[in-house]
Amino acid sequence: MLKRISNSSFFRENKVAGVYVEILSEDKLYCQVVILEKKKGSIHIVQKTESSLDKLSEVISVKIPLCVIIDGKGVLLRESKQENLIDEQLILQAFPNVTSSDYYVQHVESAQQTIFACFARRVTIDAIFENLKAQSFALLNVSLGVLPLSNIVSLKGKGKLIAFPYEITIVDGSLQKINKIKETSANFTVVGEESIPCTHVLAFASAFGYFMESNISKLNSEIFEQGLTDYSYQIIMKKGGFAFLIFLFVSLLLNFLIFSYQSDKQKQLSQELIQYQSTIEQLAAYKNEIAEKEKITQNGAWGSNTYFSYYADRIAASKPQGIVLQKMQLFPLTLKNKKFDLNGIRKDTIIIAGITKNSMLLNDWTKTLQAQKFIQHVSVTNYTQQESSSGNFTIEIALNKKKE
């Protein structure tokens, strides 16, 4: 599961260093280095260098993971027919009288039903692992001998390829023959679109194999596997943590934008609500006003006496000279707590206010009104004497109820 995650496109490296470690003697190990970088689907060489193994960290950054080839003294190449043998059987087939657990083996299959296998002592390879680990390098893959050249044969297609100290023959994009050489007149080898020094081709092949599907068998090393597992955890934590921070930032940004939008929307809705409440209050006021008017209408003459216009004309016609009418109230209301009491409408009642020259004239007029058939009773409710015998008066006329 861990390897599957670390091998996903998001967690894979864009820059790796291919390191060809040549064992010259027990104490002398020399390295050829090629650093490849993948940008926009293309792979480019960004650095070529060389160094002793002990000083490798001085020429390349330890932050760049390594794809290592180990070759030279103690690394043996054998060719045999494909028989689907396991590692232990391959070792015993090549070296019948050895202890298989003391050796590492790797192999690659060719199209001619043969395999090329490389063997090396565990103690020698483990010592190189420990050296690189002490320099804080991370290993992405490890190969023995010439086998990583199978990663680039498809770029060549056919013909000869010089990868010093080897010369290989390629047929139909597959390894056919491998020869070890001591010298070469060629300085460069063209691989794809790159012109690579012959001494750096193996390092290039090792790094290039990281970006493609390699058919080299796995090196069964506990030290390498443990280091690879630790590095996988590290890269997952590093890139995964960075991705989580980006996700968190985007989430917070989205939340902020949503909050800002909702806040602005809430303010807008609040303003609209205030407007709507004001409109509702105004409508309620109109409704109350209409209700009061309807109440006046319902509690008024409608349904009782509907001849008030006629009565008003008759009363005005009966008014003698010397009396001036100032006000006539139909359906007079009573005040209650400084408000009109709609329930206190006095039906079939007319109240008249005016000015008379003298009280005798007012008495005669009330008698005349009393004689009207539609009037039940006339009474003077207020009389105030003014100068020159004139006075202000108020009379109340009770009408006969209209017969249905």
Protein backbone atom coordinates (compact mmCIF):
# COMPACT_ATOMS: atom_id res chain seq x y z
CA MET A 1 0.00 0.00 0.00
CA LEU A 2 2.80 2.39 0.93
CA LYS A 3 4.71 1.69 -2.28
CA ARG A 4 1.57 2.12 -4.33
CA ILE A 5 1.00 5.55 -2.79
CA SER A 6 4.64 6.64 -3.11
CA ASN A 7 4.69 5.49 -6.76
CA SER A 8 1.63 7.55 -7.67
CA SER A 9 2.26 10.44 -10.04
CA PHE A 10 1.77 13.05 -7.31
CA PHE A 11 4.50 11.64 -5.06
CA ARG A 12 7.01 10.69 -7.75
CA GLU A 13 10.19 12.74 -8.08
CA ASN A 14 10.83 15.12 -10.96
CA LYS A 15 14.59 15.17 -10.48
CA VAL A 16 16.81 12.13 -9.83
CA ALA A 17 20.52 11.36 -10.02
CA GLY A 18 21.82 8.28 -11.79
CA VAL A 19 25.06 7.14 -10.12
CA TYR A 20 27.35 4.53 -11.64
CA VAL A 21 29.55 3.22 -8.82
CA GLU A 22 32.59 1.36 -10.17
CA ILE A 23 34.44 -0.82 -7.66
CA LEU A 24 38.12 -0.36 -8.63
CA SER A 25 39.42 -2.02 -5.47
CA GLU A 26 38.26 -2.71 -1.96
CA ASP A 27 39.04 0.85 -0.86
CA LYS A 28 38.64 2.70 -4.14
CA LEU A 29 35.14 3.32 -5.52
CA TYR A 30 34.58 5.92 -8.23
CA CYS A 31 31.27 7.42 -9.36
CA GLN A 32 29.94 8.81 -12.64
CA VAL A 33 26.82 10.97 -12.08
CA VAL A 34 24.06 12.16 -14.40
CA ILE A 35 21.14 14.19 -13.01
CA LEU A 36 17.89 14.07 -14.99
CA GLU A 37 14.86 16.33 -14.58
CA LYS A 38 11.39 15.80 -15.98
CA LYS A 39 9.60 18.95 -17.13
CA LYS A 40 6.34 19.07 -19.06
CA GLY A 41 6.66 15.45 -20.12
CA SER A 42 10.26 15.76 -21.36
CA ILE A 43 13.39 14.45 -19.64
CA HIS A 44 16.56 16.54 -19.76
CA ILE A 45 20.10 16.23 -18.44
CA VAL A 46 20.75 19.05 -15.97
CA GLN A 47 24.16 17.97 -14.64
CA LYS A 48 27.01 15.54 -15.39
CA THR A 49 29.80 15.07 -12.89
CA GLU A 50 32.07 12.50 -11.24
CA SER A 51 33.48 11.90 -7.79
CA SER A 52 34.75 9.27 -5.40
CA LEU A 53 32.00 7.54 -3.45
CA ASP A 54 33.09 9.05 -0.12
CA LYS A 55 32.82 12.61 -1.48
CA LEU A 56 29.63 12.20 -3.52
CA SER A 57 27.67 14.56 -1.23
CA GLU A 58 30.15 17.33 -2.12
CA VAL A 59 29.24 17.34 -5.81
CA ILE A 60 25.48 16.75 -5.71
CA SER A 61 22.79 17.70 -3.22
CA VAL A 62 21.72 15.01 -0.75
CA LYS A 63 18.13 16.19 -1.39
CA ILE A 64 18.27 14.56 -4.82
CA PRO A 65 17.40 10.83 -4.58
CA LEU A 66 19.69 8.33 -6.27
CA CYS A 67 19.29 5.54 -8.79
CA VAL A 68 22.49 3.55 -8.28
CA ILE A 69 24.38 1.07 -10.46
CA ILE A 70 27.10 -0.97 -8.75
CA ASP A 71 29.68 -2.53 -11.07
CA GLY A 72 33.36 -3.35 -11.30
CA LYS A 73 35.47 -5.70 -9.25
CA GLY A 74 33.34 -8.44 -7.65
CA VAL A 75 30.29 -7.92 -9.90
CA LEU A 76 29.96 -10.78 -12.40
CA LEU A 77 27.79 -11.06 -15.53
CA ARG A 78 26.38 -14.35 -16.78
CA GLU A 79 24.16 -15.23 -19.73
CA SER A 80 21.83 -18.23 -19.70
CA LYS A 81 18.60 -19.55 -21.16
CA GLN A 82 15.28 -18.52 -19.67
CA GLU A 83 14.14 -21.21 -17.25
CA ASN A 84 11.99 -19.19 -14.79
CA LEU A 85 14.48 -19.74 -11.97
CA ILE A 86 14.26 -18.00 -8.62
CA ASP A 87 17.21 -15.98 -7.25
CA GLU A 88 18.66 -18.87 -5.22
CA GLN A 89 18.53 -21.20 -8.22
CA LEU A 90 20.22 -18.59 -10.44
CA ILE A 91 23.04 -18.21 -7.92
CA LEU A 92 23.58 -21.95 -7.53
CA GLN A 93 23.42 -22.43 -11.30
CA ALA A 94 26.23 -19.90 -11.78
CA PHE A 95 28.23 -20.87 -8.65
CA PRO A 96 27.34 -24.42 -7.57
CA ASN A 97 29.48 -24.54 -4.45
CA VAL A 98 28.60 -21.23 -2.75
CA THR A 99 26.12 -20.22 -0.04
CA SER A 100 23.32 -18.48 -1.93
CA SER A 101 22.48 -16.16 0.98
CA ASP A 102 25.93 -14.54 0.62
CA TYR A 103 25.10 -13.15 -2.85
CA TYR A 104 22.78 -10.68 -4.52
CA VAL A 105 21.49 -11.41 -8.01
CA GLN A 106 19.57 -9.43 -10.60
CA HIS A 107 18.53 -10.35 -14.10
CA VAL A 108 16.81 -9.01 -17.17
CA GLU A 109 15.14 -11.00 -19.91
CA SER A 110 15.88 -10.44 -23.59
CA ALA A 111 13.78 -11.13 -26.65
CA GLN A 112 16.00 -14.06 -27.67
CA GLN A 113 14.78 -16.31 -24.83
CA THR A 114 17.92 -15.58 -22.82
CA ILE A 115 18.55 -13.75 -19.58
CA PHE A 116 21.46 -11.59 -18.51
CA ALA A 117 22.18 -11.98 -14.79
CA CYS A 118 24.60 -10.07 -12.54
CA PHE A 119 25.94 -11.39 -9.21
CA ALA A 120 27.73 -9.67 -6.31
CA ARG A 121 28.59 -10.42 -2.71
CA ARG A 122 26.14 -9.02 -0.19
CA VAL A 123 28.85 -7.70 2.09
CA THR A 124 30.31 -5.57 -0.72
CA ILE A 125 26.97 -4.12 -1.82
CA ASP A 126 25.76 -3.53 1.77
CA ALA A 127 28.94 -1.57 2.52
CA ILE A 128 28.10 0.80 -0.37
CA PHE A 129 24.53 1.15 0.94
CA GLU A 130 25.85 2.11 4.37
CA ASN A 131 28.25 4.63 2.86
CA LEU A 132 25.47 6.37 0.94
CA LYS A 133 23.18 6.25 3.96
CA ALA A 134 25.89 7.88 6.09
CA GLN A 135 25.97 10.75 3.58
CA SER A 136 22.16 11.12 3.97
CA PHE A 137 21.32 10.02 0.43
CA ALA A 138 18.00 8.35 -0.37
CA LEU A 139 18.03 5.41 -2.80
CA LEU A 140 15.14 4.95 -5.24
CA ASN A 141 16.50 1.84 -6.94
CA VAL A 142 19.69 -0.19 -7.13
CA SER A 143 21.00 -2.23 -10.08
CA LEU A 144 24.01 -4.46 -10.69
CA GLY A 145 26.39 -4.29 -13.62
CA VAL A 146 25.22 -3.52 -17.12
CA LEU A 147 21.55 -4.42 -16.63
CA PRO A 148 20.14 -0.83 -16.57
CA LEU A 149 21.11 -0.43 -20.23
CA SER A 150 17.92 -2.38 -20.95
CA ASN A 151 16.10 0.83 -19.92
CA ILE A 152 17.39 2.74 -22.96
CA VAL A 153 17.70 0.13 -25.73
CA SER A 154 14.26 1.11 -27.04
CA LEU A 155 15.64 4.64 -27.66
CA LYS A 156 18.40 3.20 -29.82
CA GLY A 157 16.29 0.64 -31.65
CA LYS A 158 19.14 -1.35 -33.22
CA GLY A 159 22.89 -1.33 -33.71
CA LYS A 160 25.79 -0.82 -31.34
CA LEU A 161 25.72 1.24 -28.17
CA ILE A 162 28.89 2.20 -26.29
CA ALA A 163 28.41 2.54 -22.54
CA PHE A 164 31.95 2.34 -21.28
CA PRO A 165 33.18 -0.16 -20.13
CA TYR A 166 30.56 -2.05 -22.19
CA GLU A 167 29.56 -2.37 -25.80
CA ILE A 168 26.13 -3.80 -26.40
CA THR A 169 24.40 -5.05 -29.50
CA ILE A 170 20.71 -4.15 -29.88
CA VAL A 171 18.27 -6.01 -32.11
CA ASP A 172 14.62 -4.96 -32.38
CA GLY A 173 14.85 -2.83 -29.25
CA SER A 174 16.22 -5.64 -27.07
CA LEU A 175 19.62 -6.61 -25.68
CA GLN A 176 21.24 -9.27 -27.82
CA LYS A 177 24.91 -9.24 -26.84
CA ILE A 178 27.03 -7.59 -24.14
CA ASN A 179 30.82 -7.20 -24.40
CA LYS A 180 33.09 -5.66 -21.81
CA ILE A 181 35.74 -3.41 -23.37
CA LYS A 182 38.92 -1.83 -21.99
CA GLU A 183 38.98 1.21 -24.26
CA THR A 184 37.00 2.95 -26.98
CA SER A 185 37.67 5.54 -29.62
CA ALA A 186 34.18 7.04 -29.21
CA ASN A 187 33.76 9.94 -26.81
CA PHE A 188 30.00 10.31 -27.01
CA THR A 189 26.97 8.10 -27.52
CA VAL A 190 23.71 9.43 -28.93
CA VAL A 191 20.70 8.23 -26.94
CA GLY A 192 17.41 9.62 -28.16
CA GLU A 193 18.02 13.35 -28.56
CA GLU A 194 20.88 13.47 -26.04
CA SER A 195 24.60 13.20 -26.84
CA ILE A 196 26.09 11.60 -23.72
CA PRO A 197 29.76 10.94 -22.85
CA CYS A 198 30.38 7.19 -23.12
CA THR A 199 31.55 7.11 -19.50
CA HIS A 200 28.18 8.49 -18.30
CA VAL A 201 25.79 6.34 -20.34
CA LEU A 202 25.26 3.78 -17.56
CA ALA A 203 24.51 6.55 -15.04
CA PHE A 204 22.06 8.06 -17.53
CA ALA A 205 20.40 4.67 -18.08
CA SER A 206 19.94 4.16 -14.34
CA ALA A 207 18.25 7.55 -13.83
CA PHE A 208 16.19 7.18 -17.02
CA GLY A 209 14.84 3.86 -15.76
CA TYR A 210 13.10 5.70 -12.89
CA PHE A 211 10.84 7.52 -15.37
CA MET A 212 9.80 4.41 -17.28
CA GLU A 213 8.66 0.82 -16.63
CA SER A 214 11.84 -1.14 -16.00
CA ASN A 215 11.97 -4.90 -16.56
CA ILE A 216 14.99 -5.49 -14.28
CA SER A 217 14.28 -7.90 -11.44
CA LYS A 218 14.17 -6.60 -7.89
CA LEU A 219 17.30 -6.62 -5.70
CA ASN A 220 16.28 -8.44 -2.52
CA SER A 221 18.13 -6.31 0.04
CA GLU A 222 16.67 -5.63 3.47
CA ILE A 223 18.92 -2.60 3.91
CA PHE A 224 17.78 -1.08 0.61
CA GLU A 225 14.11 -1.91 1.25
CA GLN A 226 14.20 -0.34 4.72
CA GLY A 227 15.81 2.81 3.33
CA LEU A 228 13.25 2.97 0.53
CA THR A 229 10.40 2.55 3.02
CA ASP A 230 11.76 5.36 5.22
CA TYR A 231 12.13 7.60 2.19
CA SER A 232 8.59 6.79 1.07
CA TYR A 233 7.24 7.84 4.46
CA GLN A 234 9.32 10.99 4.30
CA ILE A 235 8.16 12.01 0.82
CA ILE A 236 4.54 11.22 1.67
CA MET A 237 4.75 13.33 4.81
CA LYS A 238 6.52 16.14 2.95
CA LYS A 239 4.38 16.33 -0.17
CA GLY A 240 1.27 15.05 1.56
CA GLY A 241 1.68 17.68 4.28
CA PHE A 242 2.21 20.36 1.67
CA ALA A 243 -0.84 19.17 -0.24
CA PHE A 244 -2.83 19.19 3.01
CA LEU A 245 -1.73 22.77 3.73
CA ILE A 246 -2.79 23.79 0.22
CA PHE A 247 -6.10 22.00 0.71
CA LEU A 248 -6.54 23.70 4.10
CA PHE A 249 -5.70 27.10 2.61
CA VAL A 250 -8.12 26.59 -0.28
CA SER A 251 -10.79 25.40 2.16
CA LEU A 252 -10.28 28.46 4.38
CA LEU A 253 -10.30 30.73 1.33
CA LEU A 254 -13.52 29.15 0.08
CA ASN A 255 -15.05 29.43 3.55
CA PHE A 256 -14.02 33.10 3.71
CA LEU A 257 -15.49 33.80 0.28
CA ILE A 258 -18.69 31.95 1.17
CA PHE A 259 -18.86 33.78 4.52
CA SER A 260 -18.29 37.15 2.81
CA TYR A 261 -20.97 36.36 0.25
CA GLN A 262 -23.42 35.18 2.91
CA SER A 263 -22.62 38.22 5.08
CA ASP A 264 -23.30 40.60 2.20
CA LYS A 265 -26.43 38.63 1.36
CA GLN A 266 -27.56 38.77 4.99
CA LYS A 267 -27.08 42.55 5.07
CA GLN A 268 -29.02 42.90 1.84
CA LEU A 269 -31.82 40.68 3.14
CA SER A 270 -31.87 42.61 6.44
CA GLN A 271 -32.33 45.86 4.55
CA GLU A 272 -35.07 44.30 2.44
CA LEU A 273 -36.69 42.94 5.62
CA ILE A 274 -36.73 46.42 7.15
CA GLN A 275 -38.36 47.75 4.00
CA TYR A 276 -40.87 44.90 3.98
CA GLN A 277 -41.65 45.45 7.67
CA SER A 278 -42.22 49.14 7.00
CA THR A 279 -44.51 48.21 4.11
CA ILE A 280 -46.33 45.67 6.28
CA GLU A 281 -46.81 48.25 9.03
CA GLN A 282 -48.14 50.74 6.49
CA LEU A 283 -50.45 48.10 5.06
CA ALA A 284 -51.61 47.24 8.57
CA ALA A 285 -52.36 50.90 9.18
CA TYR A 286 -54.32 51.08 5.93
CA LYS A 287 -56.12 47.86 6.89
CA ASN A 288 -57.07 49.29 10.29
CA GLU A 289 -58.23 52.49 8.67
CA ILE A 290 -60.35 50.56 6.17
CA ALA A 291 -61.69 48.38 9.00
CA GLU A 292 -62.69 51.47 10.98
CA LYS A 293 -64.41 52.96 7.96
CA GLU A 294 -66.17 49.66 7.28
CA LYS A 295 -67.18 49.56 10.92
CA ILE A 296 -68.57 53.05 10.66
CA THR A 297 -70.47 52.03 7.57
CA GLN A 298 -71.74 48.80 9.13
CA ASN A 299 -72.71 50.52 12.37
CA GLY A 300 -74.16 53.54 10.58
CA ALA A 301 -77.36 54.11 8.72
CA TRP A 302 -76.94 51.17 6.42
CA GLY A 303 -79.52 48.62 7.46
CA SER A 304 -81.47 51.24 9.53
CA ASN A 305 -82.50 54.72 8.41
CA THR A 306 -81.41 55.46 4.85
CA TYR A 307 -83.29 58.75 4.31
CA PHE A 308 -80.89 61.18 5.95
CA SER A 309 -80.38 63.19 2.78
CA TYR A 310 -84.11 63.75 2.58
CA TYR A 311 -84.30 64.59 6.28
CA ALA A 312 -81.45 67.05 6.02
CA ASP A 313 -83.16 68.85 3.17
CA ARG A 314 -86.46 69.00 5.08
CA ILE A 315 -84.77 70.31 8.22
CA ALA A 316 -82.88 72.96 6.29
CA ALA A 317 -86.09 74.03 4.45
CA SER A 318 -87.93 74.43 7.74
CA LYS A 319 -85.28 76.75 9.19
CA PRO A 320 -86.74 80.26 9.74
CA GLN A 321 -85.01 83.53 9.02
CA GLY A 322 -82.85 84.58 11.93
CA ILE A 323 -81.28 81.15 12.52
CA VAL A 324 -77.91 80.27 10.98
CA LEU A 325 -76.91 76.59 10.87
CA GLN A 326 -73.22 75.93 11.48
CA LYS A 327 -72.96 72.16 11.74
CA MET A 328 -75.09 69.04 11.20
CA GLN A 329 -73.93 65.62 12.42
CA LEU A 330 -75.36 62.39 11.08
CA PHE A 331 -74.52 59.28 13.07
CA PRO A 332 -72.82 61.30 15.80
CA LEU A 333 -69.93 59.54 17.57
CA THR A 334 -68.95 59.66 21.19
CA LEU A 335 -65.35 60.14 22.34
CA LYS A 336 -63.73 57.54 24.55
CA ASN A 337 -60.15 58.06 25.77
CA LYS A 338 -59.75 60.82 23.17
CA LYS A 339 -60.75 58.39 20.41
CA PHE A 340 -64.03 57.90 18.60
CA ASP A 341 -65.96 54.95 20.00
CA LEU A 342 -67.09 53.10 16.90
CA ASN A 343 -69.38 50.94 19.00
CA GLY A 344 -71.02 54.09 20.36
CA ILE A 345 -72.50 55.34 17.08
CA ARG A 346 -75.89 56.93 17.74
CA LYS A 347 -78.15 55.73 14.99
CA ASP A 348 -81.29 57.61 13.91
CA THR A 349 -79.96 60.77 15.50
CA ILE A 350 -79.11 64.17 14.04
CA ILE A 351 -77.31 66.88 15.99
CA ILE A 352 -77.54 70.47 14.73
CA ALA A 353 -75.47 73.44 15.95
CA GLY A 354 -76.00 77.06 14.97
CA ILE A 355 -76.80 80.66 15.99
CA THR A 356 -80.25 82.14 16.66
CA LYS A 357 -81.26 85.83 17.02
CA ASN A 358 -83.30 84.97 20.09
CA SER A 359 -84.51 82.02 22.09
CA MET A 360 -88.13 82.51 21.07
CA LEU A 361 -87.21 81.97 17.42
CA LEU A 362 -85.38 78.77 18.39
CA ASN A 363 -88.40 77.49 20.36
CA ASP A 364 -90.73 78.10 17.44
CA TRP A 365 -88.38 76.20 15.10
CA THR A 366 -88.14 73.21 17.46
CA LYS A 367 -91.96 73.06 17.53
CA THR A 368 -92.00 73.14 13.73
CA LEU A 369 -89.48 70.28 13.60
CA GLN A 370 -91.39 68.30 16.17
CA ALA A 371 -94.40 68.44 13.85
CA GLN A 372 -92.46 66.59 11.11
CA LYS A 373 -93.61 63.00 10.71
CA PHE A 374 -90.09 61.55 10.47
CA ILE A 375 -89.04 63.20 13.75
CA GLN A 376 -89.73 61.46 17.03
CA HIS A 377 -88.40 64.08 19.41
CA VAL A 378 -86.51 67.39 19.35
CA SER A 379 -84.60 68.68 22.37
CA VAL A 380 -82.30 71.65 22.92
CA THR A 381 -79.16 70.21 24.47
CA ASN A 382 -77.23 73.45 24.75
CA TYR A 383 -77.97 77.14 24.56
CA THR A 384 -75.53 79.93 25.27
CA GLN A 385 -76.79 83.52 25.35
CA GLN A 386 -74.68 86.02 23.44
CA GLU A 387 -74.96 89.80 23.22
CA SER A 388 -77.95 91.46 21.53
CA SER A 389 -80.17 88.55 22.62
CA SER A 390 -78.52 86.14 20.16
CA GLY A 391 -77.21 82.79 21.25
CA ASN A 392 -75.43 79.61 20.24
CA PHE A 393 -77.46 76.49 20.35
CA THR A 394 -77.27 72.75 19.90
CA ILE A 395 -80.36 70.63 19.29
CA GLU A 396 -80.66 66.89 19.07
CA ILE A 397 -83.25 65.31 16.81
CA ALA A 398 -84.35 61.74 17.38
CA LEU A 399 -85.76 60.23 14.20
CA ASN A 400 -88.43 57.68 13.84
CA LYS A 401 -86.88 54.36 12.92
CA LYS A 402 -87.37 53.45 9.29
CA LYS A 403 -89.75 50.61 8.83
CA GLU A 404 -88.37 47.72 6.79
